[in-house]
């Protein structure tokens, strides 16, 4: 019996296989997981930029001996910019990372 009798397309029966340390996922799942992670990185960068506002505001308030109404209004605007964006962004970040984790778990990722 030749080596091609039992093998389709003439392949050898003595194949060497690569390690099973790889996973295969469909393109749609990969794109979704990649988008979630990319969005999460962007969100973290934007949150960090908003924290710079708070640091500047804190320094401004500590260095100011007296604040008039205009100064208080400016400080309030900085606080509003932080509180309108950051808590909602962090909640969305948590949701995105949880979804990405579920996608990786579904793809058989060992963690």
C-alpha atoms as a PDB file:
ATOM      1  CA  UNK A   1       0.000   0.000   0.000  1.00  0.00           C
ATOM      2  CA  UNK A   2       1.468   3.374  -0.956  1.00  0.00           C
ATOM      3  CA  UNK A   3       1.529   6.293   1.417  1.00  0.00           C
ATOM      4  CA  UNK A   4      -1.231   7.999  -0.587  1.00  0.00           C
ATOM      5  CA  UNK A   5      -3.770   5.152  -0.595  1.00  0.00           C
ATOM      6  CA  UNK A   6      -5.422   6.148   2.691  1.00  0.00           C
ATOM      7  CA  UNK A   7      -4.843   9.887   2.465  1.00  0.00           C
ATOM      8  CA  UNK A   8      -6.938  12.309   0.441  1.00  0.00           C
ATOM      9  CA  UNK A   9      -5.014  14.391  -2.061  1.00  0.00           C
ATOM     10  CA  UNK A  10      -1.855  12.340  -1.569  1.00  0.00           C
ATOM     11  CA  UNK A  11      -0.920  13.717   1.838  1.00  0.00           C
ATOM     12  CA  UNK A  12       1.345  11.689   4.056  1.00  0.00           C
ATOM     13  CA  UNK A  13      -0.153   9.865   7.009  1.00  0.00           C
ATOM     14  CA  UNK A  14       2.753  11.070   9.108  1.00  0.00           C
ATOM     15  CA  UNK A  15       1.789  14.696   9.481  1.00  0.00           C
ATOM     16  CA  UNK A  16       3.238  16.852  12.178  1.00  0.00           C
ATOM     17  CA  UNK A  17       0.769  19.240  13.728  1.00  0.00           C
ATOM     18  CA  UNK A  18       1.467  22.632  15.154  1.00  0.00           C
ATOM     19  CA  UNK A  19       0.878  23.308  18.802  1.00  0.00           C
ATOM     20  CA  UNK A  20      -2.714  23.815  19.893  1.00  0.00           C
ATOM     21  CA  UNK A  21      -1.810  27.117  21.576  1.00  0.00           C
ATOM     22  CA  UNK A  22      -3.858  28.976  18.979  1.00  0.00           C
ATOM     23  CA  UNK A  23      -7.509  29.889  18.920  1.00  0.00           C
ATOM     24  CA  UNK A  24      -9.630  30.639  15.895  1.00  0.00           C
ATOM     25  CA  UNK A  25     -12.349  33.274  15.992  1.00  0.00           C
ATOM     26  CA  UNK A  26     -14.479  34.681  13.243  1.00  0.00           C
ATOM     27  CA  UNK A  27     -13.707  38.102  11.789  1.00  0.00           C
ATOM     28  CA  UNK A  28     -16.875  39.705  13.204  1.00  0.00           C
ATOM     29  CA  UNK A  29     -16.007  38.663  16.775  1.00  0.00           C
ATOM     30  CA  UNK A  30     -12.406  39.807  16.365  1.00  0.00           C
ATOM     31  CA  UNK A  31     -13.478  43.202  15.011  1.00  0.00           C
ATOM     32  CA  UNK A  32     -15.960  43.668  17.862  1.00  0.00           C
ATOM     33  CA  UNK A  33     -13.422  42.741  20.551  1.00  0.00           C
ATOM     34  CA  UNK A  34     -10.780  44.968  18.949  1.00  0.00           C
ATOM     35  CA  UNK A  35     -13.225  47.882  18.720  1.00  0.00           C
ATOM     36  CA  UNK A  36     -14.209  47.465  22.372  1.00  0.00           C
ATOM     37  CA  UNK A  37     -10.583  47.491  23.484  1.00  0.00           C
ATOM     38  CA  UNK A  38      -9.704  50.434  21.252  1.00  0.00           C
ATOM     39  CA  UNK A  39     -12.687  52.405  22.549  1.00  0.00           C
ATOM     40  CA  UNK A  40     -11.685  51.575  26.121  1.00  0.00           C
ATOM     41  CA  UNK A  41      -8.180  52.956  25.583  1.00  0.00           C
ATOM     42  CA  UNK A  42      -9.619  56.163  24.099  1.00  0.00           C
ATOM     43  CA  UNK A  43     -12.040  56.507  27.007  1.00  0.00           C
ATOM     44  CA  UNK A  44      -9.248  56.141  29.546  1.00  0.00           C
ATOM     45  CA  UNK A  45      -7.207  58.812  27.762  1.00  0.00           C
ATOM     46  CA  UNK A  46     -10.171  61.205  27.728  1.00  0.00           C
ATOM     47  CA  UNK A  47     -10.900  60.560  31.405  1.00  0.00           C
ATOM     48  CA  UNK A  48      -7.266  61.329  32.185  1.00  0.00           C
ATOM     49  CA  UNK A  49      -7.542  64.626  30.321  1.00  0.00           C
ATOM     50  CA  UNK A  50     -10.574  65.515  32.434  1.00  0.00           C
ATOM     51  CA  UNK A  51      -8.572  64.766  35.572  1.00  0.00           C
ATOM     52  CA  UNK A  52      -6.126  67.448  34.465  1.00  0.00           C
ATOM     53  CA  UNK A  53      -9.031  69.896  34.765  1.00  0.00           C
ATOM     54  CA  UNK A  54      -9.542  68.848  38.365  1.00  0.00           C
ATOM     55  CA  UNK A  55      -5.860  69.196  39.190  1.00  0.00           C
ATOM     56  CA  UNK A  56      -5.805  72.694  37.669  1.00  0.00           C
ATOM     57  CA  UNK A  57      -8.978  73.648  39.490  1.00  0.00           C
ATOM     58  CA  UNK A  58      -7.604  72.397  42.786  1.00  0.00           C
ATOM     59  CA  UNK A  59      -4.389  74.389  42.302  1.00  0.00           C
ATOM     60  CA  UNK A  60      -6.386  77.468  41.298  1.00  0.00           C
ATOM     61  CA  UNK A  61      -8.638  77.232  44.333  1.00  0.00           C
ATOM     62  CA  UNK A  62      -5.723  76.663  46.722  1.00  0.00           C
ATOM     63  CA  UNK A  63      -3.798  79.658  45.361  1.00  0.00           C
ATOM     64  CA  UNK A  64      -6.767  82.030  45.303  1.00  0.00           C
ATOM     65  CA  UNK A  65      -7.174  84.145  48.416  1.00  0.00           C
ATOM     66  CA  UNK A  66     -10.640  85.332  47.521  1.00  0.00           C
ATOM     67  CA  UNK A  67     -13.004  84.218  44.806  1.00  0.00           C
ATOM     68  CA  UNK A  68     -15.585  86.506  43.290  1.00  0.00           C
ATOM     69  CA  UNK A  69     -18.765  85.297  41.576  1.00  0.00           C
ATOM     70  CA  UNK A  70     -17.025  85.029  38.206  1.00  0.00           C
ATOM     71  CA  UNK A  71     -14.266  82.832  39.653  1.00  0.00           C
ATOM     72  CA  UNK A  72     -16.817  80.579  41.360  1.00  0.00           C
ATOM     73  CA  UNK A  73     -18.723  80.270  38.091  1.00  0.00           C
ATOM     74  CA  UNK A  74     -15.548  79.212  36.239  1.00  0.00           C
ATOM     75  CA  UNK A  75     -14.761  76.656  38.916  1.00  0.00           C
ATOM     76  CA  UNK A  76     -18.295  75.289  38.657  1.00  0.00           C
ATOM     77  CA  UNK A  77     -17.939  74.935  34.873  1.00  0.00           C
ATOM     78  CA  UNK A  78     -14.767  72.883  35.322  1.00  0.00           C
ATOM     79  CA  UNK A  79     -16.471  70.637  37.854  1.00  0.00           C
ATOM     80  CA  UNK A  80     -19.484  70.229  35.572  1.00  0.00           C
ATOM     81  CA  UNK A  81     -17.225  69.249  32.665  1.00  0.00           C
ATOM     82  CA  UNK A  82     -15.757  66.515  34.842  1.00  0.00           C
ATOM     83  CA  UNK A  83     -18.959  65.212  36.388  1.00  0.00           C
ATOM     84  CA  UNK A  84     -20.921  65.185  33.133  1.00  0.00           C
ATOM     85  CA  UNK A  85     -18.325  63.097  31.345  1.00  0.00           C
ATOM     86  CA  UNK A  86     -16.235  60.972  33.700  1.00  0.00           C
ATOM     87  CA  UNK A  87     -18.757  58.861  35.678  1.00  0.00           C
ATOM     88  CA  UNK A  88     -20.750  57.972  32.549  1.00  0.00           C
ATOM     89  CA  UNK A  89     -17.559  57.233  30.622  1.00  0.00           C
ATOM     90  CA  UNK A  90     -16.237  54.969  33.363  1.00  0.00           C
ATOM     91  CA  UNK A  91     -19.548  53.091  33.452  1.00  0.00           C
ATOM     92  CA  UNK A  92     -19.392  52.615  29.674  1.00  0.00           C
ATOM     93  CA  UNK A  93     -15.750  51.564  29.978  1.00  0.00           C
ATOM     94  CA  UNK A  94     -16.716  48.880  32.470  1.00  0.00           C
ATOM     95  CA  UNK A  95     -19.458  47.645  30.175  1.00  0.00           C
ATOM     96  CA  UNK A  96     -17.140  47.561  27.141  1.00  0.00           C
ATOM     97  CA  UNK A  97     -14.432  45.663  28.989  1.00  0.00           C
ATOM     98  CA  UNK A  98     -16.976  43.169  30.327  1.00  0.00           C
ATOM     99  CA  UNK A  99     -18.266  42.546  26.789  1.00  0.00           C
ATOM    100  CA  UNK A 100     -14.712  42.118  25.485  1.00  0.00           C
ATOM    101  CA  UNK A 101     -14.027  39.653  28.312  1.00  0.00           C
ATOM    102  CA  UNK A 102     -17.143  37.667  27.403  1.00  0.00           C
ATOM    103  CA  UNK A 103     -16.076  37.569  23.741  1.00  0.00           C
ATOM    104  CA  UNK A 104     -12.641  36.267  24.719  1.00  0.00           C
ATOM    105  CA  UNK A 105     -14.184  33.705  27.038  1.00  0.00           C
ATOM    106  CA  UNK A 106     -16.491  32.565  24.237  1.00  0.00           C
ATOM    107  CA  UNK A 107     -13.508  32.178  21.918  1.00  0.00           C
ATOM    108  CA  UNK A 108     -11.861  29.790  24.345  1.00  0.00           C
ATOM    109  CA  UNK A 109      -9.233  32.177  25.666  1.00  0.00           C
ATOM    110  CA  UNK A 110      -7.436  30.806  28.709  1.00  0.00           C
ATOM    111  CA  UNK A 111      -7.093  33.387  31.434  1.00  0.00           C
END
